[in-house]
PDB file of N, CA and C in Angstrom:
ATOM      1  N   UNK A   1     -52.355 179.352 182.347  1.00  0.00           N
ATOM      2  CA  UNK A   1     -52.242 180.197 181.652  1.00  0.00           C
ATOM      3  C   UNK A   1     -51.019 179.861 180.513  1.00  0.00           C
ATOM      4  N   UNK A   2     -50.938 180.574 179.339  1.00  0.00           N
ATOM      5  CA  UNK A   2     -50.058 180.150 178.522  1.00  0.00           C
ATOM      6  C   UNK A   2     -49.085 181.234 178.178  1.00  0.00           C
ATOM      7  N   UNK A   3     -47.946 180.486 177.901  1.00  0.00           N
ATOM      8  CA  UNK A   3     -46.685 181.593 177.776  1.00  0.00           C
ATOM      9  C   UNK A   3     -47.087 182.899 177.084  1.00  0.00           C
ATOM     10  N   UNK A   4     -47.722 182.822 175.644  1.00  0.00           N
ATOM     11  CA  UNK A   4     -48.368 183.937 175.459  1.00  0.00           C
ATOM     12  C   UNK A   4     -48.860 185.192 176.057  1.00  0.00           C
ATOM     13  N   UNK A   5     -49.426 184.752 177.172  1.00  0.00           N
ATOM     14  CA  UNK A   5     -50.675 185.083 178.164  1.00  0.00           C
ATOM     15  C   UNK A   5     -49.703 185.933 179.156  1.00  0.00           C
ATOM     16  N   UNK A   6     -48.608 185.267 179.713  1.00  0.00           N
ATOM     17  CA  UNK A   6     -48.272 185.649 180.638  1.00  0.00           C
ATOM     18  C   UNK A   6     -47.023 186.378 180.178  1.00  0.00           C
ATOM     19  N   UNK A   7     -46.659 186.772 178.666  1.00  0.00           N
ATOM     20  CA  UNK A   7     -45.933 187.472 177.693  1.00  0.00           C
ATOM     21  C   UNK A   7     -46.548 188.949 178.130  1.00  0.00           C
ATOM     22  N   UNK A   8     -47.631 188.912 177.800  1.00  0.00           N
ATOM     23  CA  UNK A   8     -48.129 189.620 177.603  1.00  0.00           C
ATOM     24  C   UNK A   8     -48.520 190.942 178.583  1.00  0.00           C
ATOM     25  N   UNK A   9     -48.734 189.716 179.838  1.00  0.00           N
ATOM     26  CA  UNK A   9     -48.950 190.200 181.443  1.00  0.00           C
ATOM     27  C   UNK A   9     -47.954 190.641 181.362  1.00  0.00           C
ATOM     28  N   UNK A  10     -46.209 190.102 181.385  1.00  0.00           N
ATOM     29  CA  UNK A  10     -45.309 191.057 182.016  1.00  0.00           C
ATOM     30  C   UNK A  10     -44.991 192.202 180.955  1.00  0.00           C
ATOM     31  N   UNK A  11     -45.158 192.307 179.811  1.00  0.00           N
ATOM     32  CA  UNK A  11     -44.761 193.279 179.143  1.00  0.00           C
ATOM     33  C   UNK A  11     -45.134 194.817 179.585  1.00  0.00           C
ATOM     34  N   UNK A  12     -46.648 194.443 179.479  1.00  0.00           N
ATOM     35  CA  UNK A  12     -47.967 195.763 180.190  1.00  0.00           C
ATOM     36  C   UNK A  12     -47.453 196.004 181.557  1.00  0.00           C
ATOM     37  N   UNK A  13     -47.140 194.745 182.183  1.00  0.00           N
ATOM     38  CA  UNK A  13     -46.593 195.311 183.785  1.00  0.00           C
ATOM     39  C   UNK A  13     -45.260 196.319 183.942  1.00  0.00           C
ATOM     40  N   UNK A  14     -44.715 195.675 182.891  1.00  0.00           N
ATOM     41  CA  UNK A  14     -43.300 196.734 182.740  1.00  0.00           C
ATOM     42  C   UNK A  14     -43.541 197.732 182.379  1.00  0.00           C
ATOM     43  N   UNK A  15     -44.283 198.036 180.962  1.00  0.00           N
ATOM     44  CA  UNK A  15     -44.532 199.432 180.986  1.00  0.00           C
ATOM     45  C   UNK A  15     -45.035 200.287 181.624  1.00  0.00           C
ATOM     46  N   UNK A  16     -46.675 200.027 181.824  1.00  0.00           N
ATOM     47  CA  UNK A  16     -47.104 200.579 182.777  1.00  0.00           C
ATOM     48  C   UNK A  16     -46.667 200.775 184.162  1.00  0.00           C
ATOM     49  N   UNK A  17     -45.764 199.939 184.695  1.00  0.00           N
ATOM     50  CA  UNK A  17     -44.961 199.994 186.240  1.00  0.00           C
ATOM     51  C   UNK A  17     -43.873 201.451 185.852  1.00  0.00           C
ATOM     52  N   UNK A  18     -43.545 200.879 184.776  1.00  0.00           N
ATOM     53  CA  UNK A  18     -41.895 201.563 184.812  1.00  0.00           C
ATOM     54  C   UNK A  18     -42.456 203.422 184.301  1.00  0.00           C
ATOM     55  N   UNK A  19     -43.714 203.710 183.495  1.00  0.00           N
ATOM     56  CA  UNK A  19     -44.183 204.622 183.433  1.00  0.00           C
ATOM     57  C   UNK A  19     -44.652 205.352 184.605  1.00  0.00           C
ATOM     58  N   UNK A  20     -45.201 204.460 185.357  1.00  0.00           N
ATOM     59  CA  UNK A  20     -46.215 205.197 186.848  1.00  0.00           C
ATOM     60  C   UNK A  20     -44.555 205.536 187.836  1.00  0.00           C
ATOM     61  N   UNK A  21     -43.253 204.441 187.527  1.00  0.00           N
ATOM     62  CA  UNK A  21     -42.481 204.746 188.466  1.00  0.00           C
ATOM     63  C   UNK A  21     -41.809 206.507 188.079  1.00  0.00           C
ATOM     64  N   UNK A  22     -41.636 206.668 186.748  1.00  0.00           N
ATOM     65  CA  UNK A  22     -41.023 207.913 186.382  1.00  0.00           C
ATOM     66  C   UNK A  22     -41.880 208.789 186.426  1.00  0.00           C
ATOM     67  N   UNK A  23     -43.277 209.233 186.091  1.00  0.00           N
ATOM     68  CA  UNK A  23     -44.105 210.188 186.955  1.00  0.00           C
ATOM     69  C   UNK A  23     -44.240 210.648 188.008  1.00  0.00           C
ATOM     70  N   UNK A  24     -44.111 209.364 189.229  1.00  0.00           N
ATOM     71  CA  UNK A  24     -43.929 209.599 190.059  1.00  0.00           C
ATOM     72  C   UNK A  24     -42.706 210.070 191.320  1.00  0.00           C
ATOM     73  N   UNK A  25     -41.627 210.071 190.351  1.00  0.00           N
ATOM     74  CA  UNK A  25     -40.459 210.100 190.657  1.00  0.00           C
ATOM     75  C   UNK A  25     -40.171 212.145 190.668  1.00  0.00           C
ATOM     76  N   UNK A  26     -39.474 212.034 192.170  1.00  0.00           N
ATOM     77  CA  UNK A  26     -39.039 213.923 192.249  1.00  0.00           C
ATOM     78  C   UNK A  26     -38.285 213.859 190.905  1.00  0.00           C
ATOM     79  N   UNK A  27     -36.930 212.864 191.326  1.00  0.00           N
ATOM     80  CA  UNK A  27     -35.889 213.366 190.157  1.00  0.00           C
ATOM     81  C   UNK A  27     -36.324 212.266 189.093  1.00  0.00           C
ATOM     82  N   UNK A  28     -36.600 213.026 187.780  1.00  0.00           N
ATOM     83  CA  UNK A  28     -37.029 212.109 186.682  1.00  0.00           C
ATOM     84  C   UNK A  28     -35.538 211.712 185.815  1.00  0.00           C
ATOM     85  N   UNK A  29     -35.283 210.408 186.341  1.00  0.00           N
ATOM     86  CA  UNK A  29     -33.861 210.199 185.634  1.00  0.00           C
ATOM     87  C   UNK A  29     -34.401 208.556 184.709  1.00  0.00           C
ATOM     88  N   UNK A  30     -33.784 208.811 183.620  1.00  0.00           N
ATOM     89  CA  UNK A  30     -33.818 208.197 182.214  1.00  0.00           C
ATOM     90  C   UNK A  30     -33.782 206.838 183.022  1.00  0.00           C
ATOM     91  N   UNK A  31     -33.303 206.450 183.676  1.00  0.00           N
ATOM     92  CA  UNK A  31     -32.785 205.010 183.810  1.00  0.00           C
ATOM     93  C   UNK A  31     -34.428 204.595 184.453  1.00  0.00           C
ATOM     94  N   UNK A  32     -35.068 205.026 185.012  1.00  0.00           N
ATOM     95  CA  UNK A  32     -35.924 204.266 185.178  1.00  0.00           C
ATOM     96  C   UNK A  32     -37.394 203.822 184.046  1.00  0.00           C
ATOM     97  N   UNK A  33     -36.869 204.455 182.816  1.00  0.00           N
ATOM     98  CA  UNK A  33     -37.558 203.964 181.720  1.00  0.00           C
ATOM     99  C   UNK A  33     -36.741 202.684 181.081  1.00  0.00           C
ATOM    100  N   UNK A  34     -35.910 201.788 181.355  1.00  0.00           N
ATOM    101  CA  UNK A  34     -35.392 201.062 181.152  1.00  0.00           C
ATOM    102  C   UNK A  34     -36.472 199.746 181.125  1.00  0.00           C
ATOM    103  N   UNK A  35     -37.163 199.616 181.857  1.00  0.00           N
ATOM    104  CA  UNK A  35     -37.711 198.608 181.904  1.00  0.00           C
ATOM    105  C   UNK A  35     -39.180 198.770 181.123  1.00  0.00           C
ATOM    106  N   UNK A  36     -39.145 199.841 180.568  1.00  0.00           N
ATOM    107  CA  UNK A  36     -40.607 200.494 179.517  1.00  0.00           C
ATOM    108  C   UNK A  36     -39.968 199.691 178.077  1.00  0.00           C
ATOM    109  N   UNK A  37     -38.248 200.096 177.657  1.00  0.00           N
ATOM    110  CA  UNK A  37     -37.867 199.105 176.849  1.00  0.00           C
ATOM    111  C   UNK A  37     -37.891 198.189 176.715  1.00  0.00           C
ATOM    112  N   UNK A  38     -37.829 197.666 177.865  1.00  0.00           N
ATOM    113  CA  UNK A  38     -37.724 196.075 177.559  1.00  0.00           C
ATOM    114  C   UNK A  38     -39.331 195.151 177.658  1.00  0.00           C
ATOM    115  N   UNK A  39     -40.434 196.356 178.052  1.00  0.00           N
ATOM    116  CA  UNK A  39     -41.560 195.969 178.104  1.00  0.00           C
ATOM    117  C   UNK A  39     -42.032 196.152 176.550  1.00  0.00           C
ATOM    118  N   UNK A  40     -41.701 197.057 175.941  1.00  0.00           N
ATOM    119  CA  UNK A  40     -42.020 197.418 173.863  1.00  0.00           C
ATOM    120  C   UNK A  40     -41.300 196.272 173.582  1.00  0.00           C
ATOM    121  N   UNK A  41     -40.415 195.896 173.576  1.00  0.00           N
ATOM    122  CA  UNK A  41     -39.263 194.891 173.031  1.00  0.00           C
ATOM    123  C   UNK A  41     -40.207 193.894 172.900  1.00  0.00           C
ATOM    124  N   UNK A  42     -40.721 192.607 174.591  1.00  0.00           N
ATOM    125  CA  UNK A  42     -41.480 191.748 174.758  1.00  0.00           C
ATOM    126  C   UNK A  42     -42.892 191.975 174.051  1.00  0.00           C
ATOM    127  N   UNK A  43     -43.493 193.302 174.099  1.00  0.00           N
ATOM    128  CA  UNK A  43     -44.303 192.822 173.280  1.00  0.00           C
ATOM    129  C   UNK A  43     -44.778 193.009 171.999  1.00  0.00           C
ATOM    130  N   UNK A  44     -43.618 193.591 171.429  1.00  0.00           N
ATOM    131  CA  UNK A  44     -43.486 193.157 170.027  1.00  0.00           C
ATOM    132  C   UNK A  44     -42.992 191.793 169.637  1.00  0.00           C
ATOM    133  N   UNK A  45     -42.775 190.904 170.131  1.00  0.00           N
ATOM    134  CA  UNK A  45     -42.589 189.530 170.014  1.00  0.00           C
ATOM    135  C   UNK A  45     -43.445 188.882 170.225  1.00  0.00           C
ATOM    136  N   UNK A  46     -44.761 189.368 171.275  1.00  0.00           N
ATOM    137  CA  UNK A  46     -45.617 188.762 171.497  1.00  0.00           C
ATOM    138  C   UNK A  46     -46.460 188.222 170.409  1.00  0.00           C
ATOM    139  N   UNK A  47     -46.709 188.738 169.152  1.00  0.00           N
ATOM    140  CA  UNK A  47     -47.421 187.957 167.795  1.00  0.00           C
ATOM    141  C   UNK A  47     -46.566 187.032 167.655  1.00  0.00           C
ATOM    142  N   UNK A  48     -45.455 186.788 167.586  1.00  0.00           N
ATOM    143  CA  UNK A  48     -44.600 185.479 167.456  1.00  0.00           C
ATOM    144  C   UNK A  48     -44.879 184.562 168.096  1.00  0.00           C
ATOM    145  N   UNK A  49     -45.150 184.473 169.833  1.00  0.00           N
ATOM    146  CA  UNK A  49     -45.395 183.323 170.358  1.00  0.00           C
ATOM    147  C   UNK A  49     -46.389 183.159 170.245  1.00  0.00           C
ATOM    148  N   UNK A  50     -47.572 183.977 169.965  1.00  0.00           N
ATOM    149  CA  UNK A  50     -48.964 183.885 169.650  1.00  0.00           C
ATOM    150  C   UNK A  50     -49.145 182.643 168.714  1.00  0.00           C
ATOM    151  N   UNK A  51     -48.505 182.869 167.579  1.00  0.00           N
ATOM    152  CA  UNK A  51     -48.103 181.868 166.304  1.00  0.00           C
ATOM    153  C   UNK A  51     -47.333 180.769 166.144  1.00  0.00           C
ATOM    154  N   UNK A  52     -46.851 180.369 167.862  1.00  0.00           N
ATOM    155  CA  UNK A  52     -45.686 178.974 167.736  1.00  0.00           C
ATOM    156  C   UNK A  52     -44.185 179.703 167.054  1.00  0.00           C
ATOM    157  N   UNK A  53     -44.140 180.664 166.672  1.00  0.00           N
ATOM    158  CA  UNK A  53     -42.095 181.162 166.386  1.00  0.00           C
ATOM    159  C   UNK A  53     -41.040 180.697 167.494  1.00  0.00           C
ATOM    160  N   UNK A  54     -40.596 179.589 167.299  1.00  0.00           N
ATOM    161  CA  UNK A  54     -39.495 179.621 168.420  1.00  0.00           C
ATOM    162  C   UNK A  54     -38.840 180.603 168.779  1.00  0.00           C
ATOM    163  N   UNK A  55     -38.141 180.910 168.022  1.00  0.00           N
ATOM    164  CA  UNK A  55     -37.330 181.977 167.894  1.00  0.00           C
ATOM    165  C   UNK A  55     -37.475 183.634 168.484  1.00  0.00           C
ATOM    166  N   UNK A  56     -38.813 183.585 167.958  1.00  0.00           N
ATOM    167  CA  UNK A  56     -39.111 185.271 168.599  1.00  0.00           C
ATOM    168  C   UNK A  56     -39.663 184.157 170.399  1.00  0.00           C
ATOM    169  N   UNK A  57     -40.205 183.087 170.744  1.00  0.00           N
ATOM    170  CA  UNK A  57     -40.041 182.403 172.401  1.00  0.00           C
ATOM    171  C   UNK A  57     -38.973 182.788 172.814  1.00  0.00           C
ATOM    172  N   UNK A  58     -37.614 181.981 172.420  1.00  0.00           N
ATOM    173  CA  UNK A  58     -36.825 182.055 173.089  1.00  0.00           C
ATOM    174  C   UNK A  58     -36.241 183.259 172.980  1.00  0.00           C
ATOM    175  N   UNK A  59     -36.098 184.303 172.094  1.00  0.00           N
ATOM    176  CA  UNK A  59     -35.747 186.033 172.855  1.00  0.00           C
ATOM    177  C   UNK A  59     -36.991 186.405 173.473  1.00  0.00           C
ATOM    178  N   UNK A  60     -37.999 186.508 173.911  1.00  0.00           N
ATOM    179  CA  UNK A  60     -38.912 186.747 174.498  1.00  0.00           C
ATOM    180  C   UNK A  60     -38.304 186.062 175.984  1.00  0.00           C
ATOM    181  N   UNK A  61     -37.993 184.907 176.223  1.00  0.00           N
ATOM    182  CA  UNK A  61     -37.693 184.166 177.645  1.00  0.00           C
ATOM    183  C   UNK A  61     -36.297 185.211 177.854  1.00  0.00           C
ATOM    184  N   UNK A  62     -35.272 185.249 177.286  1.00  0.00           N
ATOM    185  CA  UNK A  62     -33.939 185.776 177.413  1.00  0.00           C
ATOM    186  C   UNK A  62     -33.752 187.143 177.439  1.00  0.00           C
ATOM    187  N   UNK A  63     -34.646 187.754 177.213  1.00  0.00           N
ATOM    188  CA  UNK A  63     -34.915 189.363 177.448  1.00  0.00           C
ATOM    189  C   UNK A  63     -35.634 189.058 178.855  1.00  0.00           C
ATOM    190  N   UNK A  64     -36.595 188.283 179.096  1.00  0.00           N
ATOM    191  CA  UNK A  64     -37.014 187.760 180.556  1.00  0.00           C
ATOM    192  C   UNK A  64     -35.856 188.100 181.630  1.00  0.00           C
ATOM    193  N   UNK A  65     -34.991 186.822 181.451  1.00  0.00           N
ATOM    194  CA  UNK A  65     -34.333 186.798 181.852  1.00  0.00           C
ATOM    195  C   UNK A  65     -33.829 188.242 182.559  1.00  0.00           C
ATOM    196  N   UNK A  66     -32.778 188.416 181.090  1.00  0.00           N
ATOM    197  CA  UNK A  66     -32.439 189.720 181.344  1.00  0.00           C
ATOM    198  C   UNK A  66     -32.965 190.492 182.039  1.00  0.00           C
ATOM    199  N   UNK A  67     -34.130 191.076 181.667  1.00  0.00           N
ATOM    200  CA  UNK A  67     -34.838 192.275 182.932  1.00  0.00           C
ATOM    201  C   UNK A  67     -35.036 191.668 183.949  1.00  0.00           C
ATOM    202  N   UNK A  68     -34.986 190.074 184.284  1.00  0.00           N
ATOM    203  CA  UNK A  68     -35.314 189.828 185.713  1.00  0.00           C
ATOM    204  C   UNK A  68     -33.738 190.442 186.587  1.00  0.00           C
ATOM    205  N   UNK A  69     -32.585 189.561 185.550  1.00  0.00           N
ATOM    206  CA  UNK A  69     -31.394 190.308 186.200  1.00  0.00           C
ATOM    207  C   UNK A  69     -31.195 191.466 186.851  1.00  0.00           C
ATOM    208  N   UNK A  70     -31.715 192.635 185.853  1.00  0.00           N
ATOM    209  CA  UNK A  70     -31.752 193.961 186.085  1.00  0.00           C
ATOM    210  C   UNK A  70     -32.488 194.324 187.172  1.00  0.00           C
ATOM    211  N   UNK A  71     -33.771 194.219 187.377  1.00  0.00           N
ATOM    212  CA  UNK A  71     -34.481 194.303 188.390  1.00  0.00           C
ATOM    213  C   UNK A  71     -34.015 193.915 189.795  1.00  0.00           C
ATOM    214  N   UNK A  72     -33.200 192.397 189.723  1.00  0.00           N
ATOM    215  CA  UNK A  72     -32.790 192.043 191.111  1.00  0.00           C
ATOM    216  C   UNK A  72     -31.489 192.758 191.680  1.00  0.00           C
ATOM    217  N   UNK A  73     -30.732 193.358 190.429  1.00  0.00           N
ATOM    218  CA  UNK A  73     -29.863 194.287 190.939  1.00  0.00           C
ATOM    219  C   UNK A  73     -29.905 195.422 191.601  1.00  0.00           C
ATOM    220  N   UNK A  74     -31.558 196.018 190.894  1.00  0.00           N
ATOM    221  CA  UNK A  74     -31.551 197.049 191.355  1.00  0.00           C
ATOM    222  C   UNK A  74     -32.464 197.232 192.911  1.00  0.00           C
ATOM    223  N   UNK A  75     -32.930 196.087 192.846  1.00  0.00           N
ATOM    224  CA  UNK A  75     -33.792 195.986 194.041  1.00  0.00           C
ATOM    225  C   UNK A  75     -32.312 195.898 195.336  1.00  0.00           C
ATOM    226  N   UNK A  76     -31.618 194.907 195.216  1.00  0.00           N
ATOM    227  CA  UNK A  76     -30.492 194.698 196.149  1.00  0.00           C
ATOM    228  C   UNK A  76     -29.865 196.418 196.201  1.00  0.00           C
ATOM    229  N   UNK A  77     -29.508 197.247 194.951  1.00  0.00           N
ATOM    230  CA  UNK A  77     -29.085 198.265 195.487  1.00  0.00           C
ATOM    231  C   UNK A  77     -30.369 198.969 196.395  1.00  0.00           C
ATOM    232  N   UNK A  78     -31.438 198.900 196.139  1.00  0.00           N
ATOM    233  CA  UNK A  78     -32.183 199.602 196.911  1.00  0.00           C
ATOM    234  C   UNK A  78     -32.548 199.228 198.109  1.00  0.00           C
ATOM    235  N   UNK A  79     -32.263 198.083 198.378  1.00  0.00           N
ATOM    236  CA  UNK A  79     -32.748 197.660 199.912  1.00  0.00           C
ATOM    237  C   UNK A  79     -31.080 198.690 200.342  1.00  0.00           C
ATOM    238  N   UNK A  80     -30.442 198.232 200.244  1.00  0.00           N
ATOM    239  CA  UNK A  80     -28.851 198.879 201.018  1.00  0.00           C
ATOM    240  C   UNK A  80     -29.398 200.392 201.345  1.00  0.00           C
ATOM    241  N   UNK A  81     -29.843 201.067 200.461  1.00  0.00           N
ATOM    242  CA  UNK A  81     -30.176 202.515 200.210  1.00  0.00           C
ATOM    243  C   UNK A  81     -31.281 202.471 200.993  1.00  0.00           C
ATOM    244  N   UNK A  82     -32.066 201.359 201.396  1.00  0.00           N
ATOM    245  CA  UNK A  82     -33.366 201.529 202.080  1.00  0.00           C
ATOM    246  C   UNK A  82     -34.985 202.538 201.663  1.00  0.00           C
ATOM    247  N   UNK A  83     -34.892 201.792 200.498  1.00  0.00           N
ATOM    248  CA  UNK A  83     -35.907 202.934 198.974  1.00  0.00           C
ATOM    249  C   UNK A  83     -36.621 202.119 199.021  1.00  0.00           C
ATOM    250  N   UNK A  84     -37.612 202.074 200.243  1.00  0.00           N
ATOM    251  CA  UNK A  84     -38.916 201.387 199.948  1.00  0.00           C
ATOM    252  C   UNK A  84     -39.853 201.131 199.195  1.00  0.00           C
ATOM    253  N   UNK A  85     -40.351 202.829 198.751  1.00  0.00           N
ATOM    254  CA  UNK A  85     -40.754 203.009 197.721  1.00  0.00           C
ATOM    255  C   UNK A  85     -40.676 202.265 196.379  1.00  0.00           C
ATOM    256  N   UNK A  86     -39.379 202.543 195.520  1.00  0.00           N
ATOM    257  CA  UNK A  86     -38.591 201.864 194.815  1.00  0.00           C
ATOM    258  C   UNK A  86     -38.281 200.157 194.800  1.00  0.00           C
ATOM    259  N   UNK A  87     -38.519 199.971 195.956  1.00  0.00           N
ATOM    260  CA  UNK A  87     -38.487 198.019 195.972  1.00  0.00           C
ATOM    261  C   UNK A  87     -39.775 197.656 195.744  1.00  0.00           C
ATOM    262  N   UNK A  88     -41.081 198.397 196.554  1.00  0.00           N
ATOM    263  CA  UNK A  88     -42.106 197.891 196.409  1.00  0.00           C
ATOM    264  C   UNK A  88     -42.862 197.444 194.392  1.00  0.00           C
ATOM    265  N   UNK A  89     -42.230 199.014 193.376  1.00  0.00           N
ATOM    266  CA  UNK A  89     -42.288 199.023 192.278  1.00  0.00           C
ATOM    267  C   UNK A  89     -41.291 197.647 191.446  1.00  0.00           C
ATOM    268  N   UNK A  90     -40.156 197.791 191.590  1.00  0.00           N
ATOM    269  CA  UNK A  90     -39.370 196.591 190.936  1.00  0.00           C
ATOM    270  C   UNK A  90     -39.717 195.333 191.875  1.00  0.00           C
ATOM    271  N   UNK A  91     -39.848 195.331 192.767  1.00  0.00           N
ATOM    272  CA  UNK A  91     -40.729 194.060 193.117  1.00  0.00           C
ATOM    273  C   UNK A  91     -41.590 193.419 192.401  1.00  0.00           C
ATOM    274  N   UNK A  92     -42.614 194.322 191.931  1.00  0.00           N
ATOM    275  CA  UNK A  92     -43.697 193.629 191.115  1.00  0.00           C
ATOM    276  C   UNK A  92     -42.851 193.585 190.169  1.00  0.00           C
ATOM    277  N   UNK A  93     -42.190 193.934 189.454  1.00  0.00           N
ATOM    278  CA  UNK A  93     -41.686 193.758 187.982  1.00  0.00           C
ATOM    279  C   UNK A  93     -40.782 192.327 188.288  1.00  0.00           C
ATOM    280  N   UNK A  94     -40.310 192.222 189.212  1.00  0.00           N
ATOM    281  CA  UNK A  94     -39.432 191.209 189.220  1.00  0.00           C
ATOM    282  C   UNK A  94     -40.621 189.822 189.476  1.00  0.00           C
ATOM    283  N   UNK A  95     -41.826 189.952 190.495  1.00  0.00           N
ATOM    284  CA  UNK A  95     -42.839 188.764 190.396  1.00  0.00           C
ATOM    285  C   UNK A  95     -42.931 188.743 189.076  1.00  0.00           C
ATOM    286  N   UNK A  96     -43.328 189.584 188.169  1.00  0.00           N
ATOM    287  CA  UNK A  96     -43.836 189.480 186.869  1.00  0.00           C
ATOM    288  C   UNK A  96     -42.865 188.700 185.799  1.00  0.00           C
ATOM    289  N   UNK A  97     -41.720 189.061 186.161  1.00  0.00           N
ATOM    290  CA  UNK A  97     -40.739 188.050 185.708  1.00  0.00           C
ATOM    291  C   UNK A  97     -40.203 186.718 185.663  1.00  0.00           C
ATOM    292  N   UNK A  98     -40.756 186.272 187.012  1.00  0.00           N
ATOM    293  CA  UNK A  98     -40.720 185.063 187.644  1.00  0.00           C
ATOM    294  C   UNK A  98     -41.572 184.366 187.319  1.00  0.00           C
ATOM    295  N   UNK A  99     -42.886 185.168 187.635  1.00  0.00           N
ATOM    296  CA  UNK A  99     -44.145 184.537 186.896  1.00  0.00           C
ATOM    297  C   UNK A  99     -43.959 183.874 185.391  1.00  0.00           C
ATOM    298  N   UNK A 100     -43.687 184.661 184.287  1.00  0.00           N
ATOM    299  CA  UNK A 100     -43.243 184.691 183.127  1.00  0.00           C
ATOM    300  C   UNK A 100     -41.967 183.116 182.804  1.00  0.00           C
ATOM    301  N   UNK A 101     -41.138 183.419 183.299  1.00  0.00           N
ATOM    302  CA  UNK A 101     -40.004 182.377 183.399  1.00  0.00           C
ATOM    303  C   UNK A 101     -40.864 181.229 183.548  1.00  0.00           C
ATOM    304  N   UNK A 102     -41.111 180.920 184.692  1.00  0.00           N
ATOM    305  CA  UNK A 102     -41.668 179.791 185.359  1.00  0.00           C
ATOM    306  C   UNK A 102     -43.005 178.733 184.625  1.00  0.00           C
ATOM    307  N   UNK A 103     -43.953 179.967 183.542  1.00  0.00           N
ATOM    308  CA  UNK A 103     -45.131 179.298 182.857  1.00  0.00           C
ATOM    309  C   UNK A 103     -44.369 179.100 181.926  1.00  0.00           C
ATOM    310  N   UNK A 104     -43.382 179.631 180.906  1.00  0.00           N
ATOM    311  CA  UNK A 104     -42.268 179.539 179.999  1.00  0.00           C
ATOM    312  C   UNK A 104     -41.681 177.753 180.054  1.00  0.00           C
ATOM    313  N   UNK A 105     -41.306 177.531 181.274  1.00  0.00           N
ATOM    314  CA  UNK A 105     -41.167 175.832 181.555  1.00  0.00           C
ATOM    315  C   UNK A 105     -41.948 175.119 181.514  1.00  0.00           C
ATOM    316  N   UNK A 106     -43.191 175.782 182.263  1.00  0.00           N
ATOM    317  CA  UNK A 106     -44.499 174.273 182.201  1.00  0.00           C
ATOM    318  C   UNK A 106     -44.999 174.285 181.229  1.00  0.00           C
ATOM    319  N   UNK A 107     -45.039 175.509 180.042  1.00  0.00           N
ATOM    320  CA  UNK A 107     -45.951 175.533 179.128  1.00  0.00           C
ATOM    321  C   UNK A 107     -45.551 174.411 178.219  1.00  0.00           C
ATOM    322  N   UNK A 108     -46.715 173.556 177.223  1.00  0.00           N
ATOM    323  CA  UNK A 108     -45.989 173.559 176.232  1.00  0.00           C
ATOM    324  C   UNK A 108     -45.312 173.752 175.080  1.00  0.00           C
ATOM    325  N   UNK A 109     -44.188 173.003 174.697  1.00  0.00           N
ATOM    326  CA  UNK A 109     -43.524 173.430 173.399  1.00  0.00           C
ATOM    327  C   UNK A 109     -44.642 173.114 172.393  1.00  0.00           C
ATOM    328  N   UNK A 110     -44.303 174.174 171.303  1.00  0.00           N
ATOM    329  CA  UNK A 110     -44.882 174.097 170.345  1.00  0.00           C
ATOM    330  C   UNK A 110     -44.818 172.913 169.258  1.00  0.00           C
ATOM    331  N   UNK A 111     -45.018 172.172 168.725  1.00  0.00           N
ATOM    332  CA  UNK A 111     -44.724 171.420 167.615  1.00  0.00           C
ATOM    333  C   UNK A 111     -44.426 172.174 166.324  1.00  0.00           C
ATOM    334  N   UNK A 112     -43.017 171.762 166.272  1.00  0.00           N
ATOM    335  CA  UNK A 112     -42.250 171.792 164.725  1.00  0.00           C
ATOM    336  C   UNK A 112     -42.975 171.465 163.749  1.00  0.00           C
ATOM    337  N   UNK A 113     -43.155 171.992 162.790  1.00  0.00           N
ATOM    338  CA  UNK A 113     -43.089 171.946 161.382  1.00  0.00           C
ATOM    339  C   UNK A 113     -42.748 171.678 160.424  1.00  0.00           C
ATOM    340  N   UNK A 114     -42.575 170.956 159.752  1.00  0.00           N
ATOM    341  CA  UNK A 114     -42.137 170.219 158.514  1.00  0.00           C
ATOM    342  C   UNK A 114     -42.757 170.623 157.336  1.00  0.00           C
TER     343      UNK A 114
END
């Protein structure tokens, strides 16, 4: 799997899972749409990753790490509140974040053009 494909997968999972969480919630909280914003930004960076733009690739990695930290903090608070439904949603988001970071680490680095 290339980093471009894993970023695309991560962005679409963030977008659709966030919308699913928002639709499924009894209390429509705008905080449930924060992963949606991360997904939209990652999706906008995906074209630059495909064309091996190093800045956009590094920006996508940074946003992925920030989203993983956000998701981990939410999962920890949900474990304390014993909210299994939200733990599953955020667990899916965390898994795709970790997968995207692992693929970034093990993928080939783009060649610098002169």
